[in-house]
Protein backbone atom coordinates (compact mmCIF):
# COMPACT_ATOMS: atom_id res chain seq x y z
CA UNK A 1 79.92 92.22 80.20
CA UNK A 2 79.26 91.85 76.45
CA UNK A 3 78.35 88.18 76.92
CA UNK A 4 75.43 89.18 79.10
CA UNK A 5 73.92 91.01 76.13
CA UNK A 6 73.80 87.70 74.26
CA UNK A 7 71.21 86.35 76.72
CA UNK A 8 67.74 86.89 75.17
CA UNK A 9 66.09 87.49 78.56
CA UNK A 10 68.59 90.25 79.33
CA UNK A 11 68.29 91.87 75.91
CA UNK A 12 64.51 92.08 76.37
CA UNK A 13 65.01 94.02 79.62
CA UNK A 14 67.37 96.64 78.26
CA UNK A 15 65.89 100.10 78.53
CA UNK A 16 66.31 101.84 75.20
CA UNK A 17 66.22 105.59 74.63
CA UNK A 18 64.63 107.56 71.85
CA UNK A 19 66.65 110.24 70.11
CA UNK A 20 64.61 112.89 71.96
CA UNK A 21 65.39 111.26 75.34
CA UNK A 22 69.05 111.01 74.38
CA UNK A 23 69.12 114.75 73.65
CA UNK A 24 67.98 115.41 77.21
CA UNK A 25 70.99 113.61 78.68
CA UNK A 26 73.89 115.90 78.14
CA UNK A 27 77.08 115.60 76.21
CA UNK A 28 78.82 113.34 78.75
CA UNK A 29 77.62 110.33 80.74
CA UNK A 30 77.86 110.02 84.52
CA UNK A 31 81.50 108.90 84.16
CA UNK A 32 82.38 112.05 82.22
CA UNK A 33 82.79 110.14 78.94
CA UNK A 34 81.40 111.06 75.54
CA UNK A 35 78.68 108.83 74.13
CA UNK A 36 76.62 108.23 71.03
CA UNK A 37 73.21 106.64 70.56
CA UNK A 38 73.14 103.49 68.41
CA UNK A 39 69.85 101.65 67.96
CA UNK A 40 68.48 103.19 71.14
CA UNK A 41 71.49 102.19 73.23
CA UNK A 42 73.89 104.71 74.72
CA UNK A 43 77.42 103.61 73.88
CA UNK A 44 80.57 105.20 75.22
CA UNK A 45 82.88 106.42 72.51
CA UNK A 46 86.30 104.83 72.49
CA UNK A 47 89.46 106.86 72.77
CA UNK A 48 91.29 107.49 69.52
CA UNK A 49 94.70 106.06 68.76
CA UNK A 50 97.27 108.29 67.07
CA UNK A 51 96.65 106.40 63.80
CA UNK A 52 92.89 106.99 64.06
CA UNK A 53 93.34 110.69 64.81
CA UNK A 54 95.82 111.13 61.95
CA UNK A 55 93.72 109.32 59.35
CA UNK A 56 90.57 111.21 60.41
CA UNK A 57 92.31 114.57 60.17
CA UNK A 58 93.93 113.80 56.80
CA UNK A 59 90.59 112.61 55.40
CA UNK A 60 88.82 115.72 56.62
CA UNK A 61 91.42 117.98 55.00
CA UNK A 62 91.45 116.05 51.70
CA UNK A 63 87.66 116.00 51.42
CA UNK A 64 87.05 119.56 52.65
CA UNK A 65 89.31 120.92 49.92
CA UNK A 66 87.09 119.35 47.23
CA UNK A 67 83.51 119.81 48.40
CA UNK A 68 81.47 122.02 46.07
CA UNK A 69 79.43 125.01 47.16
CA UNK A 70 76.14 124.05 48.76
CA UNK A 71 77.69 121.26 50.83
CA UNK A 72 79.59 121.17 54.11
CA UNK A 73 82.10 118.80 55.65
CA UNK A 74 81.74 117.75 59.28
CA UNK A 75 84.27 116.05 61.54
CA UNK A 76 82.94 113.93 64.41
CA UNK A 77 79.55 115.68 64.43
CA UNK A 78 76.16 114.00 65.00
CA UNK A 79 73.71 112.77 62.42
CA UNK A 80 70.21 112.36 63.85
CA UNK A 81 68.71 109.16 62.47
CA UNK A 82 65.52 107.29 63.34
CA UNK A 83 66.78 105.55 66.49
CA UNK A 84 70.42 106.57 66.54
CA UNK A 85 72.74 109.53 66.68
CA UNK A 86 76.18 108.42 65.51
CA UNK A 87 79.08 110.83 65.20
CA UNK A 88 80.99 109.70 62.11
CA UNK A 89 84.62 110.66 61.71
CA UNK A 90 83.87 112.62 58.52
CA UNK A 91 80.59 113.38 56.77
CA UNK A 92 79.63 115.47 53.76
CA UNK A 93 76.21 117.07 54.12
CA UNK A 94 74.02 118.87 51.60
CA UNK A 95 73.66 122.41 52.93
CA UNK A 96 75.81 124.81 54.88
CA UNK A 97 76.50 124.92 58.59
CA UNK A 98 73.90 127.67 59.07
CA UNK A 99 71.24 125.25 57.77
CA UNK A 100 71.73 123.11 60.89
CA UNK A 101 71.65 125.53 63.81
CA UNK A 102 68.42 124.06 65.22
CA UNK A 103 68.71 120.37 64.25
CA UNK A 104 71.45 117.96 63.27
CA UNK A 105 71.52 116.63 59.69
CA UNK A 106 69.51 113.45 59.13
CA UNK A 107 71.46 112.08 56.18
CA UNK A 108 74.67 112.66 54.25
CA UNK A 109 76.10 112.28 50.79
CA UNK A 110 79.19 110.60 52.24
CA UNK A 111 80.04 109.16 55.65
CA UNK A 112 83.53 107.96 56.52
CA UNK A 113 84.47 106.01 59.64
CA UNK A 114 88.07 105.28 60.56
CA UNK A 115 88.32 101.79 62.03
CA UNK A 116 91.47 101.04 63.93
CA UNK A 117 89.73 98.99 66.64
CA UNK A 118 86.01 99.33 65.81
CA UNK A 119 85.52 97.67 62.41
CA UNK A 120 82.79 95.32 63.65
CA UNK A 121 80.64 98.16 65.00
CA UNK A 122 81.35 100.30 61.92
CA UNK A 123 80.18 97.45 59.66
CA UNK A 124 77.01 97.10 61.73
CA UNK A 125 76.44 100.85 61.42
CA UNK A 126 76.27 100.39 57.64
CA UNK A 127 72.62 99.44 58.18
CA UNK A 128 71.98 102.75 60.00
CA UNK A 129 73.51 104.75 57.19
CA UNK A 130 71.74 102.77 54.46
CA UNK A 131 68.39 103.32 56.21
CA UNK A 132 69.16 107.06 56.32
CA UNK A 133 69.90 107.13 52.58
CA UNK A 134 73.62 107.87 52.90
CA UNK A 135 74.81 107.32 49.33
CA UNK A 136 78.45 106.48 50.07
CA UNK A 137 79.77 104.88 53.26
CA UNK A 138 83.50 104.25 53.61
CA UNK A 139 85.21 102.37 56.44
CA UNK A 140 88.93 103.11 56.52
CA UNK A 141 90.80 100.07 57.83
CA UNK A 142 93.86 101.93 59.03
CA UNK A 143 96.19 99.10 59.93
CA UNK A 144 95.35 97.18 56.73
CA UNK A 145 95.67 100.26 54.52
CA UNK A 146 92.33 99.40 52.91
CA UNK A 147 88.88 100.95 52.64
CA UNK A 148 85.55 99.14 52.63
CA UNK A 149 83.17 100.98 50.31
CA UNK A 150 79.38 100.65 50.60
CA UNK A 151 77.05 102.15 47.98
CA UNK A 152 73.53 102.13 46.57
CA UNK A 153 71.34 102.04 49.69
CA UNK A 154 68.11 100.12 49.09
CA UNK A 155 65.60 99.05 51.75
CA UNK A 156 67.99 99.57 54.67
CA UNK A 157 70.95 97.76 53.08
CA UNK A 158 73.76 98.64 50.73
CA UNK A 159 73.49 96.79 47.45
CA UNK A 160 77.17 97.26 46.57
CA UNK A 161 80.26 96.73 48.68
CA UNK A 162 83.92 96.30 47.91
CA UNK A 163 87.32 96.51 49.55
CA UNK A 164 89.93 98.68 47.87
CA UNK A 165 93.66 98.84 48.53
CA UNK A 166 96.14 101.63 49.07
CA UNK A 167 96.73 102.15 45.34
CA UNK A 168 93.07 103.02 44.60
CA UNK A 169 91.36 106.36 44.20
CA UNK A 170 87.89 106.68 45.73
CA UNK A 171 85.31 108.96 44.20
CA UNK A 172 82.06 109.93 45.91
CA UNK A 173 79.13 108.80 43.75
CA UNK A 174 76.92 111.84 44.32
CA UNK A 175 79.77 114.38 44.44
CA UNK A 176 82.24 113.38 41.70
CA UNK A 177 84.54 116.27 42.60
CA UNK A 178 85.30 114.50 45.89
CA UNK A 179 88.14 112.10 45.16
CA UNK A 180 90.57 110.58 47.63
CA UNK A 181 93.77 108.92 46.51
CA UNK A 182 94.45 106.33 49.15
CA UNK A 183 98.17 106.72 48.63
CA UNK A 184 97.70 110.31 49.90
CA UNK A 185 95.64 109.11 52.86
CA UNK A 186 98.07 106.36 53.89
CA UNK A 187 101.26 108.33 53.10
C-alpha cells in the first residue's frame, strides 16, 4: 500500500483534509481506530508496545514533577498546527489546562515522542514541530536507549540536532528546571 503513495500521479489525487475538516470527523475512523492528522492526511495511530507505554509514562511522571507554575504537561493530547494535529507522547505547554478548554494548544516548549517502531515518522514530524516553534523536540529511541534532541527552530527546521546516550541528562532549553536523567528513564 505504501508503495502506491510513491507514484506521483497517485499522490496528486490524494484528498487532503484541513484541520477544521478533521475536527468534524470524530475521534475514531470508520474502523474504530484512533487517528491523527499529519500534513493533511489522516493516519491511524499504531498500537503501543509495553516498552513504548512504559517509557511514555515514566517520561510524563519525571517531567510533570519538574514543570514550573504557569505551564502544564500533556500526555498523548493534540497540538493544532497549520495542517496537522499530532498527539505527541508528552508535551509541555505554556499555560494551564483551563487555558485550552475551547482550542488545543498550537505550540509547546517541549515535545517528546517515544519511538519504538515509528522513528522515521517521528523524524519527519520534526519539521511540523519546528514550523510551530516548538523549542525542544526529543525522540526517545527506546530499544537503543538513546534520545535524538532537536533544538533552535528556524524557518521550519531545527538548526541543532544530536543523539545522546543513556548516561546523559537532558535539560529543556526554555524551562531549565525540566531535567531528565536518561539513566532514570531507561532504568
